[in-house]
Structure formats: structure tokens, C-alpha cells
PDB file of N, CA and C in Angstrom:
ATOM      1  N   UNK A   1     202.729   3.042  20.720  1.00  0.00           N
ATOM      2  CA  UNK A   1     203.158   1.943  21.661  1.00  0.00           C
ATOM      3  C   UNK A   1     202.709   2.357  23.016  1.00  0.00           C
ATOM      4  N   UNK A   2     202.389   1.343  23.797  1.00  0.00           N
ATOM      5  CA  UNK A   2     201.930   1.626  25.181  1.00  0.00           C
ATOM      6  C   UNK A   2     203.104   2.333  25.905  1.00  0.00           C
ATOM      7  N   UNK A   3     202.782   3.334  26.636  1.00  0.00           N
ATOM      8  CA  UNK A   3     203.798   4.141  27.311  1.00  0.00           C
ATOM      9  C   UNK A   3     204.273   3.446  28.458  1.00  0.00           C
ATOM     10  N   UNK A   4     205.481   3.802  29.025  1.00  0.00           N
ATOM     11  CA  UNK A   4     205.969   3.399  30.241  1.00  0.00           C
ATOM     12  C   UNK A   4     205.064   3.660  31.424  1.00  0.00           C
ATOM     13  N   UNK A   5     204.325   4.846  31.281  1.00  0.00           N
ATOM     14  CA  UNK A   5     203.346   5.273  32.301  1.00  0.00           C
ATOM     15  C   UNK A   5     202.280   4.172  32.524  1.00  0.00           C
ATOM     16  N   UNK A   6     201.831   3.659  31.373  1.00  0.00           N
ATOM     17  CA  UNK A   6     200.793   2.673  31.439  1.00  0.00           C
ATOM     18  C   UNK A   6     201.225   1.481  32.230  1.00  0.00           C
ATOM     19  N   UNK A   7     202.433   0.980  32.000  1.00  0.00           N
ATOM     20  CA  UNK A   7     202.965  -0.116  32.770  1.00  0.00           C
ATOM     21  C   UNK A   7     203.199   0.283  34.256  1.00  0.00           C
ATOM     22  N   UNK A   8     203.704   1.449  34.494  1.00  0.00           N
ATOM     23  CA  UNK A   8     204.001   1.918  35.836  1.00  0.00           C
ATOM     24  C   UNK A   8     202.800   2.248  36.678  1.00  0.00           C
ATOM     25  N   UNK A   9     201.677   2.609  36.021  1.00  0.00           N
ATOM     26  CA  UNK A   9     200.493   2.987  36.686  1.00  0.00           C
ATOM     27  C   UNK A   9     199.536   1.847  36.989  1.00  0.00           C
ATOM     28  N   UNK A  10     199.904   0.670  36.459  1.00  0.00           N
ATOM     29  CA  UNK A  10     199.105  -0.453  36.763  1.00  0.00           C
ATOM     30  C   UNK A  10     199.195  -0.800  38.251  1.00  0.00           C
ATOM     31  N   UNK A  11     198.063  -1.193  38.863  1.00  0.00           N
ATOM     32  CA  UNK A  11     198.037  -1.506  40.309  1.00  0.00           C
ATOM     33  C   UNK A  11     198.884  -2.756  40.502  1.00  0.00           C
ATOM     34  N   UNK A  12     198.973  -3.133  41.829  1.00  0.00           N
ATOM     35  CA  UNK A  12     199.837  -4.219  42.239  1.00  0.00           C
ATOM     36  C   UNK A  12     199.063  -5.558  42.188  1.00  0.00           C
ATOM     37  N   UNK A  13     197.947  -5.594  41.499  1.00  0.00           N
ATOM     38  CA  UNK A  13     197.171  -6.835  41.317  1.00  0.00           C
ATOM     39  C   UNK A  13     198.070  -7.816  40.564  1.00  0.00           C
ATOM     40  N   UNK A  14     198.048  -9.081  40.859  1.00  0.00           N
ATOM     41  CA  UNK A  14     198.791 -10.048  40.170  1.00  0.00           C
ATOM     42  C   UNK A  14     197.966 -11.054  39.441  1.00  0.00           C
ATOM     43  N   UNK A  15     198.106 -11.263  38.081  1.00  0.00           N
ATOM     44  CA  UNK A  15     197.315 -12.213  37.462  1.00  0.00           C
ATOM     45  C   UNK A  15     197.762 -13.674  37.925  1.00  0.00           C
ATOM     46  N   UNK A  16     196.847 -14.534  37.962  1.00  0.00           N
ATOM     47  CA  UNK A  16     197.052 -15.865  38.518  1.00  0.00           C
ATOM     48  C   UNK A  16     197.295 -16.892  37.393  1.00  0.00           C
ATOM     49  N   UNK A  17     198.166 -17.829  37.633  1.00  0.00           N
ATOM     50  CA  UNK A  17     198.347 -18.864  36.654  1.00  0.00           C
ATOM     51  C   UNK A  17     199.056 -18.450  35.451  1.00  0.00           C
ATOM     52  N   UNK A  18     198.537 -18.854  34.255  1.00  0.00           N
ATOM     53  CA  UNK A  18     199.210 -18.639  32.906  1.00  0.00           C
ATOM     54  C   UNK A  18     198.622 -17.353  32.235  1.00  0.00           C
ATOM     55  N   UNK A  19     197.845 -16.574  33.044  1.00  0.00           N
ATOM     56  CA  UNK A  19     197.326 -15.351  32.453  1.00  0.00           C
ATOM     57  C   UNK A  19     198.370 -14.208  32.403  1.00  0.00           C
ATOM     58  N   UNK A  20     198.212 -13.373  31.388  1.00  0.00           N
ATOM     59  CA  UNK A  20     199.150 -12.180  31.240  1.00  0.00           C
ATOM     60  C   UNK A  20     198.338 -10.969  31.052  1.00  0.00           C
ATOM     61  N   UNK A  21     198.731  -9.841  31.735  1.00  0.00           N
ATOM     62  CA  UNK A  21     198.029  -8.524  31.494  1.00  0.00           C
ATOM     63  C   UNK A  21     198.876  -7.726  30.511  1.00  0.00           C
ATOM     64  N   UNK A  22     198.179  -7.189  29.450  1.00  0.00           N
ATOM     65  CA  UNK A  22     198.970  -6.541  28.310  1.00  0.00           C
ATOM     66  C   UNK A  22     198.314  -5.204  28.098  1.00  0.00           C
ATOM     67  N   UNK A  23     199.152  -4.177  27.794  1.00  0.00           N
ATOM     68  CA  UNK A  23     198.675  -2.904  27.313  1.00  0.00           C
ATOM     69  C   UNK A  23     198.916  -2.892  25.845  1.00  0.00           C
ATOM     70  N   UNK A  24     197.837  -2.576  25.028  1.00  0.00           N
ATOM     71  CA  UNK A  24     197.912  -2.674  23.643  1.00  0.00           C
ATOM     72  C   UNK A  24     198.824  -1.588  23.045  1.00  0.00           C
ATOM     73  N   UNK A  25     199.559  -1.917  21.972  1.00  0.00           N
ATOM     74  CA  UNK A  25     200.477  -0.923  21.352  1.00  0.00           C
ATOM     75  C   UNK A  25     199.604  -0.038  20.425  1.00  0.00           C
ATOM     76  N   UNK A  26     199.954   1.210  20.371  1.00  0.00           N
ATOM     77  CA  UNK A  26     199.298   2.269  19.575  1.00  0.00           C
ATOM     78  C   UNK A  26     200.120   2.620  18.391  1.00  0.00           C
ATOM     79  N   UNK A  27     200.940   1.730  17.916  1.00  0.00           N
ATOM     80  CA  UNK A  27     201.841   2.030  16.816  1.00  0.00           C
ATOM     81  C   UNK A  27     201.041   2.309  15.523  1.00  0.00           C
ATOM     82  N   UNK A  28     201.649   3.165  14.690  1.00  0.00           N
ATOM     83  CA  UNK A  28     201.142   3.436  13.343  1.00  0.00           C
ATOM     84  C   UNK A  28     201.522   2.199  12.523  1.00  0.00           C
ATOM     85  N   UNK A  29     200.598   1.666  11.714  1.00  0.00           N
ATOM     86  CA  UNK A  29     200.868   0.461  10.956  1.00  0.00           C
ATOM     87  C   UNK A  29     201.157   0.845   9.450  1.00  0.00           C
ATOM     88  N   UNK A  30     202.360   0.434   8.998  1.00  0.00           N
ATOM     89  CA  UNK A  30     202.731   0.822   7.570  1.00  0.00           C
ATOM     90  C   UNK A  30     203.054  -0.459   6.907  1.00  0.00           C
ATOM     91  N   UNK A  31     202.644  -0.521   5.649  1.00  0.00           N
ATOM     92  CA  UNK A  31     203.038  -1.646   4.797  1.00  0.00           C
ATOM     93  C   UNK A  31     204.451  -1.357   4.253  1.00  0.00           C
ATOM     94  N   UNK A  32     205.039  -2.444   3.695  1.00  0.00           N
ATOM     95  CA  UNK A  32     206.355  -2.369   3.163  1.00  0.00           C
ATOM     96  C   UNK A  32     206.506  -1.194   2.130  1.00  0.00           C
ATOM     97  N   UNK A  33     205.374  -1.027   1.408  1.00  0.00           N
ATOM     98  CA  UNK A  33     205.350   0.070   0.265  1.00  0.00           C
ATOM     99  C   UNK A  33     205.145   1.409   0.868  1.00  0.00           C
ATOM    100  N   UNK A  34     204.967   1.529   2.178  1.00  0.00           N
ATOM    101  CA  UNK A  34     204.828   2.815   2.736  1.00  0.00           C
ATOM    102  C   UNK A  34     203.362   3.354   3.020  1.00  0.00           C
ATOM    103  N   UNK A  35     202.399   2.426   2.624  1.00  0.00           N
ATOM    104  CA  UNK A  35     201.011   2.863   2.930  1.00  0.00           C
ATOM    105  C   UNK A  35     200.679   2.789   4.386  1.00  0.00           C
ATOM    106  N   UNK A  36     199.977   3.763   4.979  1.00  0.00           N
ATOM    107  CA  UNK A  36     199.535   3.729   6.378  1.00  0.00           C
ATOM    108  C   UNK A  36     198.218   3.104   6.360  1.00  0.00           C
ATOM    109  N   UNK A  37     198.034   2.093   7.194  1.00  0.00           N
ATOM    110  CA  UNK A  37     196.776   1.380   7.346  1.00  0.00           C
ATOM    111  C   UNK A  37     195.871   2.083   8.398  1.00  0.00           C
ATOM    112  N   UNK A  38     194.582   2.009   8.070  1.00  0.00           N
ATOM    113  CA  UNK A  38     193.558   2.675   8.974  1.00  0.00           C
ATOM    114  C   UNK A  38     193.332   1.630  10.164  1.00  0.00           C
ATOM    115  N   UNK A  39     192.790   2.179  11.273  1.00  0.00           N
ATOM    116  CA  UNK A  39     192.419   1.345  12.392  1.00  0.00           C
ATOM    117  C   UNK A  39     191.504   0.252  12.006  1.00  0.00           C
ATOM    118  N   UNK A  40     190.623   0.506  11.062  1.00  0.00           N
ATOM    119  CA  UNK A  40     189.706  -0.645  10.603  1.00  0.00           C
ATOM    120  C   UNK A  40     190.505  -1.755   9.916  1.00  0.00           C
ATOM    121  N   UNK A  41     191.469  -1.370   9.070  1.00  0.00           N
ATOM    122  CA  UNK A  41     192.290  -2.332   8.442  1.00  0.00           C
ATOM    123  C   UNK A  41     193.126  -3.150   9.487  1.00  0.00           C
ATOM    124  N   UNK A  42     193.628  -2.528  10.431  1.00  0.00           N
ATOM    125  CA  UNK A  42     194.530  -3.115  11.461  1.00  0.00           C
ATOM    126  C   UNK A  42     193.637  -4.100  12.209  1.00  0.00           C
ATOM    127  N   UNK A  43     192.423  -3.649  12.501  1.00  0.00           N
ATOM    128  CA  UNK A  43     191.531  -4.529  13.336  1.00  0.00           C
ATOM    129  C   UNK A  43     191.210  -5.868  12.608  1.00  0.00           C
ATOM    130  N   UNK A  44     191.433  -5.931  11.296  1.00  0.00           N
ATOM    131  CA  UNK A  44     191.054  -7.120  10.596  1.00  0.00           C
ATOM    132  C   UNK A  44     192.264  -8.142  10.814  1.00  0.00           C
ATOM    133  N   UNK A  45     193.382  -7.770  11.225  1.00  0.00           N
ATOM    134  CA  UNK A  45     194.518  -8.739  11.490  1.00  0.00           C
ATOM    135  C   UNK A  45     194.100  -9.635  12.678  1.00  0.00           C
ATOM    136  N   UNK A  46     194.599 -10.835  12.517  1.00  0.00           N
ATOM    137  CA  UNK A  46     194.321 -11.851  13.545  1.00  0.00           C
ATOM    138  C   UNK A  46     195.187 -11.689  14.808  1.00  0.00           C
ATOM    139  N   UNK A  47     196.384 -11.141  14.575  1.00  0.00           N
ATOM    140  CA  UNK A  47     197.332 -10.965  15.703  1.00  0.00           C
ATOM    141  C   UNK A  47     197.525  -9.541  16.007  1.00  0.00           C
ATOM    142  N   UNK A  48     197.783  -9.184  17.360  1.00  0.00           N
ATOM    143  CA  UNK A  48     197.860  -7.839  17.819  1.00  0.00           C
ATOM    144  C   UNK A  48     199.151  -7.738  18.599  1.00  0.00           C
ATOM    145  N   UNK A  49     199.659  -6.572  18.683  1.00  0.00           N
ATOM    146  CA  UNK A  49     200.856  -6.220  19.431  1.00  0.00           C
ATOM    147  C   UNK A  49     200.667  -5.534  20.806  1.00  0.00           C
ATOM    148  N   UNK A  50     201.411  -5.836  21.743  1.00  0.00           N
ATOM    149  CA  UNK A  50     201.247  -5.278  23.050  1.00  0.00           C
ATOM    150  C   UNK A  50     202.458  -5.347  23.879  1.00  0.00           C
ATOM    151  N   UNK A  51     202.393  -4.689  25.025  1.00  0.00           N
ATOM    152  CA  UNK A  51     203.543  -4.763  26.027  1.00  0.00           C
ATOM    153  C   UNK A  51     203.046  -5.376  27.190  1.00  0.00           C
ATOM    154  N   UNK A  52     203.768  -6.342  27.808  1.00  0.00           N
ATOM    155  CA  UNK A  52     203.396  -7.115  28.965  1.00  0.00           C
ATOM    156  C   UNK A  52     203.472  -6.150  30.110  1.00  0.00           C
ATOM    157  N   UNK A  53     202.380  -5.953  30.763  1.00  0.00           N
ATOM    158  CA  UNK A  53     202.308  -5.162  32.006  1.00  0.00           C
ATOM    159  C   UNK A  53     202.612  -6.005  33.276  1.00  0.00           C
ATOM    160  N   UNK A  54     202.005  -7.209  33.259  1.00  0.00           N
ATOM    161  CA  UNK A  54     202.275  -8.146  34.389  1.00  0.00           C
ATOM    162  C   UNK A  54     202.090  -9.503  33.969  1.00  0.00           C
ATOM    163  N   UNK A  55     203.081 -10.426  34.052  1.00  0.00           N
ATOM    164  CA  UNK A  55     202.804 -11.838  33.778  1.00  0.00           C
ATOM    165  C   UNK A  55     202.233 -12.627  34.970  1.00  0.00           C
ATOM    166  N   UNK A  56     201.477 -13.639  34.751  1.00  0.00           N
ATOM    167  CA  UNK A  56     200.946 -14.416  35.841  1.00  0.00           C
ATOM    168  C   UNK A  56     201.945 -15.203  36.644  1.00  0.00           C
ATOM    169  N   UNK A  57     201.471 -15.822  37.709  1.00  0.00           N
ATOM    170  CA  UNK A  57     202.367 -16.462  38.632  1.00  0.00           C
ATOM    171  C   UNK A  57     203.041 -17.719  38.142  1.00  0.00           C
ATOM    172  N   UNK A  58     202.455 -18.345  37.010  1.00  0.00           N
ATOM    173  CA  UNK A  58     203.052 -19.511  36.403  1.00  0.00           C
ATOM    174  C   UNK A  58     203.610 -19.302  35.062  1.00  0.00           C
ATOM    175  N   UNK A  59     203.724 -17.972  34.609  1.00  0.00           N
ATOM    176  CA  UNK A  59     204.354 -17.673  33.290  1.00  0.00           C
ATOM    177  C   UNK A  59     205.827 -17.686  33.444  1.00  0.00           C
ATOM    178  N   UNK A  60     206.501 -18.485  32.600  1.00  0.00           N
ATOM    179  CA  UNK A  60     207.946 -18.657  32.731  1.00  0.00           C
ATOM    180  C   UNK A  60     208.749 -17.835  31.717  1.00  0.00           C
ATOM    181  N   UNK A  61     208.303 -17.750  30.418  1.00  0.00           N
ATOM    182  CA  UNK A  61     209.177 -17.284  29.373  1.00  0.00           C
ATOM    183  C   UNK A  61     208.900 -15.829  28.969  1.00  0.00           C
ATOM    184  N   UNK A  62     207.896 -15.278  29.587  1.00  0.00           N
ATOM    185  CA  UNK A  62     207.500 -13.850  29.289  1.00  0.00           C
ATOM    186  C   UNK A  62     207.670 -13.013  30.453  1.00  0.00           C
ATOM    187  N   UNK A  63     208.290 -11.868  30.290  1.00  0.00           N
ATOM    188  CA  UNK A  63     208.571 -11.056  31.446  1.00  0.00           C
ATOM    189  C   UNK A  63     207.890  -9.637  31.239  1.00  0.00           C
ATOM    190  N   UNK A  64     207.748  -8.950  32.428  1.00  0.00           N
ATOM    191  CA  UNK A  64     207.197  -7.580  32.396  1.00  0.00           C
ATOM    192  C   UNK A  64     208.036  -6.606  31.381  1.00  0.00           C
ATOM    193  N   UNK A  65     207.284  -5.943  30.535  1.00  0.00           N
ATOM    194  CA  UNK A  65     208.004  -5.045  29.607  1.00  0.00           C
ATOM    195  C   UNK A  65     208.274  -5.639  28.228  1.00  0.00           C
ATOM    196  N   UNK A  66     208.123  -7.025  28.085  1.00  0.00           N
ATOM    197  CA  UNK A  66     208.356  -7.646  26.823  1.00  0.00           C
ATOM    198  C   UNK A  66     207.245  -7.141  25.769  1.00  0.00           C
ATOM    199  N   UNK A  67     207.723  -6.967  24.563  1.00  0.00           N
ATOM    200  CA  UNK A  67     206.746  -6.700  23.462  1.00  0.00           C
ATOM    201  C   UNK A  67     206.364  -8.054  22.788  1.00  0.00           C
ATOM    202  N   UNK A  68     205.056  -8.222  22.674  1.00  0.00           N
ATOM    203  CA  UNK A  68     204.535  -9.518  22.220  1.00  0.00           C
ATOM    204  C   UNK A  68     203.498  -9.326  21.124  1.00  0.00           C
ATOM    205  N   UNK A  69     203.381 -10.377  20.337  1.00  0.00           N
ATOM    206  CA  UNK A  69     202.234 -10.558  19.392  1.00  0.00           C
ATOM    207  C   UNK A  69     201.422 -11.668  19.874  1.00  0.00           C
ATOM    208  N   UNK A  70     200.062 -11.531  19.874  1.00  0.00           N
ATOM    209  CA  UNK A  70     199.192 -12.551  20.441  1.00  0.00           C
ATOM    210  C   UNK A  70     197.869 -12.641  19.559  1.00  0.00           C
ATOM    211  N   UNK A  71     197.317 -13.789  19.662  1.00  0.00           N
ATOM    212  CA  UNK A  71     196.018 -14.039  19.005  1.00  0.00           C
ATOM    213  C   UNK A  71     194.887 -13.286  19.695  1.00  0.00           C
ATOM    214  N   UNK A  72     194.431 -12.161  19.108  1.00  0.00           N
ATOM    215  CA  UNK A  72     193.476 -11.389  19.765  1.00  0.00           C
ATOM    216  C   UNK A  72     192.095 -12.033  19.898  1.00  0.00           C
ATOM    217  N   UNK A  73     191.801 -13.131  19.135  1.00  0.00           N
ATOM    218  CA  UNK A  73     190.517 -13.774  19.254  1.00  0.00           C
ATOM    219  C   UNK A  73     190.425 -14.648  20.570  1.00  0.00           C
ATOM    220  N   UNK A  74     191.608 -14.751  21.209  1.00  0.00           N
ATOM    221  CA  UNK A  74     191.609 -15.501  22.502  1.00  0.00           C
ATOM    222  C   UNK A  74     191.947 -14.629  23.660  1.00  0.00           C
ATOM    223  N   UNK A  75     191.562 -13.325  23.565  1.00  0.00           N
ATOM    224  CA  UNK A  75     191.952 -12.415  24.663  1.00  0.00           C
ATOM    225  C   UNK A  75     190.588 -11.692  24.977  1.00  0.00           C
ATOM    226  N   UNK A  76     190.648 -10.993  26.152  1.00  0.00           N
ATOM    227  CA  UNK A  76     189.471 -10.136  26.589  1.00  0.00           C
ATOM    228  C   UNK A  76     189.965  -8.838  27.170  1.00  0.00           C
ATOM    229  N   UNK A  77     189.238  -7.850  27.276  1.00  0.00           N
ATOM    230  CA  UNK A  77     189.577  -6.561  27.716  1.00  0.00           C
ATOM    231  C   UNK A  77     188.924  -6.292  29.048  1.00  0.00           C
ATOM    232  N   UNK A  78     189.681  -5.681  30.065  1.00  0.00           N
ATOM    233  CA  UNK A  78     189.139  -5.324  31.287  1.00  0.00           C
ATOM    234  C   UNK A  78     189.620  -3.929  31.765  1.00  0.00           C
ATOM    235  N   UNK A  79     188.803  -3.280  32.551  1.00  0.00           N
ATOM    236  CA  UNK A  79     189.153  -1.980  33.118  1.00  0.00           C
ATOM    237  C   UNK A  79     189.818  -2.308  34.513  1.00  0.00           C
ATOM    238  N   UNK A  80     191.080  -1.941  34.671  1.00  0.00           N
ATOM    239  CA  UNK A  80     191.789  -2.243  35.902  1.00  0.00           C
ATOM    240  C   UNK A  80     192.390  -0.917  36.303  1.00  0.00           C
ATOM    241  N   UNK A  81     192.162  -0.422  37.498  1.00  0.00           N
ATOM    242  CA  UNK A  81     192.777   0.811  37.969  1.00  0.00           C
ATOM    243  C   UNK A  81     192.633   1.973  37.037  1.00  0.00           C
ATOM    244  N   UNK A  82     191.368   2.007  36.479  1.00  0.00           N
ATOM    245  CA  UNK A  82     191.020   3.174  35.602  1.00  0.00           C
ATOM    246  C   UNK A  82     191.861   3.120  34.166  1.00  0.00           C
ATOM    247  N   UNK A  83     192.325   1.987  33.840  1.00  0.00           N
ATOM    248  CA  UNK A  83     193.028   1.675  32.572  1.00  0.00           C
ATOM    249  C   UNK A  83     192.458   0.496  31.885  1.00  0.00           C
ATOM    250  N   UNK A  84     192.465   0.555  30.605  1.00  0.00           N
ATOM    251  CA  UNK A  84     192.081  -0.606  29.801  1.00  0.00           C
ATOM    252  C   UNK A  84     193.147  -1.535  29.489  1.00  0.00           C
ATOM    253  N   UNK A  85     193.047  -2.732  29.791  1.00  0.00           N
ATOM    254  CA  UNK A  85     194.100  -3.733  29.615  1.00  0.00           C
ATOM    255  C   UNK A  85     193.485  -5.026  28.924  1.00  0.00           C
ATOM    256  N   UNK A  86     194.367  -5.689  28.207  1.00  0.00           N
ATOM    257  CA  UNK A  86     193.944  -6.968  27.582  1.00  0.00           C
ATOM    258  C   UNK A  86     194.518  -8.080  28.411  1.00  0.00           C
ATOM    259  N   UNK A  87     193.734  -9.082  28.621  1.00  0.00           N
ATOM    260  CA  UNK A  87     194.083 -10.293  29.396  1.00  0.00           C
ATOM    261  C   UNK A  87     194.092 -11.446  28.414  1.00  0.00           C
ATOM    262  N   UNK A  88     195.147 -12.296  28.459  1.00  0.00           N
ATOM    263  CA  UNK A  88     195.291 -13.467  27.601  1.00  0.00           C
ATOM    264  C   UNK A  88     196.070 -14.546  28.290  1.00  0.00           C
ATOM    265  N   UNK A  89     196.162 -15.690  27.805  1.00  0.00           N
ATOM    266  CA  UNK A  89     196.906 -16.834  28.345  1.00  0.00           C
ATOM    267  C   UNK A  89     198.273 -16.889  27.612  1.00  0.00           C
ATOM    268  N   UNK A  90     199.213 -17.432  28.385  1.00  0.00           N
ATOM    269  CA  UNK A  90     200.629 -17.507  27.771  1.00  0.00           C
ATOM    270  C   UNK A  90     200.567 -18.323  26.450  1.00  0.00           C
ATOM    271  N   UNK A  91     199.746 -19.322  26.328  1.00  0.00           N
ATOM    272  CA  UNK A  91     199.719 -20.123  25.139  1.00  0.00           C
ATOM    273  C   UNK A  91     199.285 -19.326  23.845  1.00  0.00           C
ATOM    274  N   UNK A  92     198.647 -18.205  24.062  1.00  0.00           N
ATOM    275  CA  UNK A  92     198.115 -17.412  22.873  1.00  0.00           C
ATOM    276  C   UNK A  92     199.149 -16.367  22.411  1.00  0.00           C
ATOM    277  N   UNK A  93     200.327 -16.355  23.058  1.00  0.00           N
ATOM    278  CA  UNK A  93     201.456 -15.473  22.645  1.00  0.00           C
ATOM    279  C   UNK A  93     202.194 -16.200  21.471  1.00  0.00           C
ATOM    280  N   UNK A  94     202.344 -15.582  20.325  1.00  0.00           N
ATOM    281  CA  UNK A  94     202.962 -16.232  19.192  1.00  0.00           C
ATOM    282  C   UNK A  94     204.433 -15.747  18.968  1.00  0.00           C
ATOM    283  N   UNK A  95     204.741 -14.440  19.380  1.00  0.00           N
ATOM    284  CA  UNK A  95     206.036 -13.901  19.114  1.00  0.00           C
ATOM    285  C   UNK A  95     206.406 -12.965  20.302  1.00  0.00           C
ATOM    286  N   UNK A  96     207.651 -13.092  20.766  1.00  0.00           N
ATOM    287  CA  UNK A  96     208.145 -12.127  21.803  1.00  0.00           C
ATOM    288  C   UNK A  96     209.278 -11.387  21.143  1.00  0.00           C
ATOM    289  N   UNK A  97     209.275 -10.064  21.213  1.00  0.00           N
ATOM    290  CA  UNK A  97     210.308  -9.261  20.502  1.00  0.00           C
ATOM    291  C   UNK A  97     211.461  -9.060  21.539  1.00  0.00           C
TER     292      UNK A  97
END
């Protein structure tokens, strides 16, 4: 899982509009039967889990620190303040934990 340090070290830049900055979760993925999936297997999934680092100025239902699942095919990665973050739009979030 993305650590609290990842969220706290993020610079004070603010995403605009419906964009959200997310730190990807590093959770170990296990099936119901107990099998641990490799990173290659996990990359085949359409949806990815992350922690919201900073919601945009027009994002209403998603808050900083929320754990979300999003459609990774509609996101992109950027280096911000020496950290790697995923940027996506609010409409691409499918689940908030």
C-alpha cells in the first residue's frame, strides 16, 4: 500500500478540475484460494488500486487519503516532486473504499 509518507511528501501542487493524483498501492495480491499473483498477472487486471494524494478543484465525492479502484487504461503516470504518481479523472474511479 502507498505509505503515508508518499501522501505527505507530495508537493503543494493542486490538480485542476476533475483530475485526481493517486499513489499506487503496493499490496500483495492473493486469490481466494491463497495463491499469490505475480506482478505480471496483476498488470493484466483492468482496474488498479491506489490512495488519493490530492483531489482536483472540482472533485466532490473523493477525498485525500481515500482508497480507490480505477480504470488504469484511462490514467497516466507523472514524476512530481521526485515521486511517481498516477493522474486520472474522477469519472474513471469505480470504487471508493
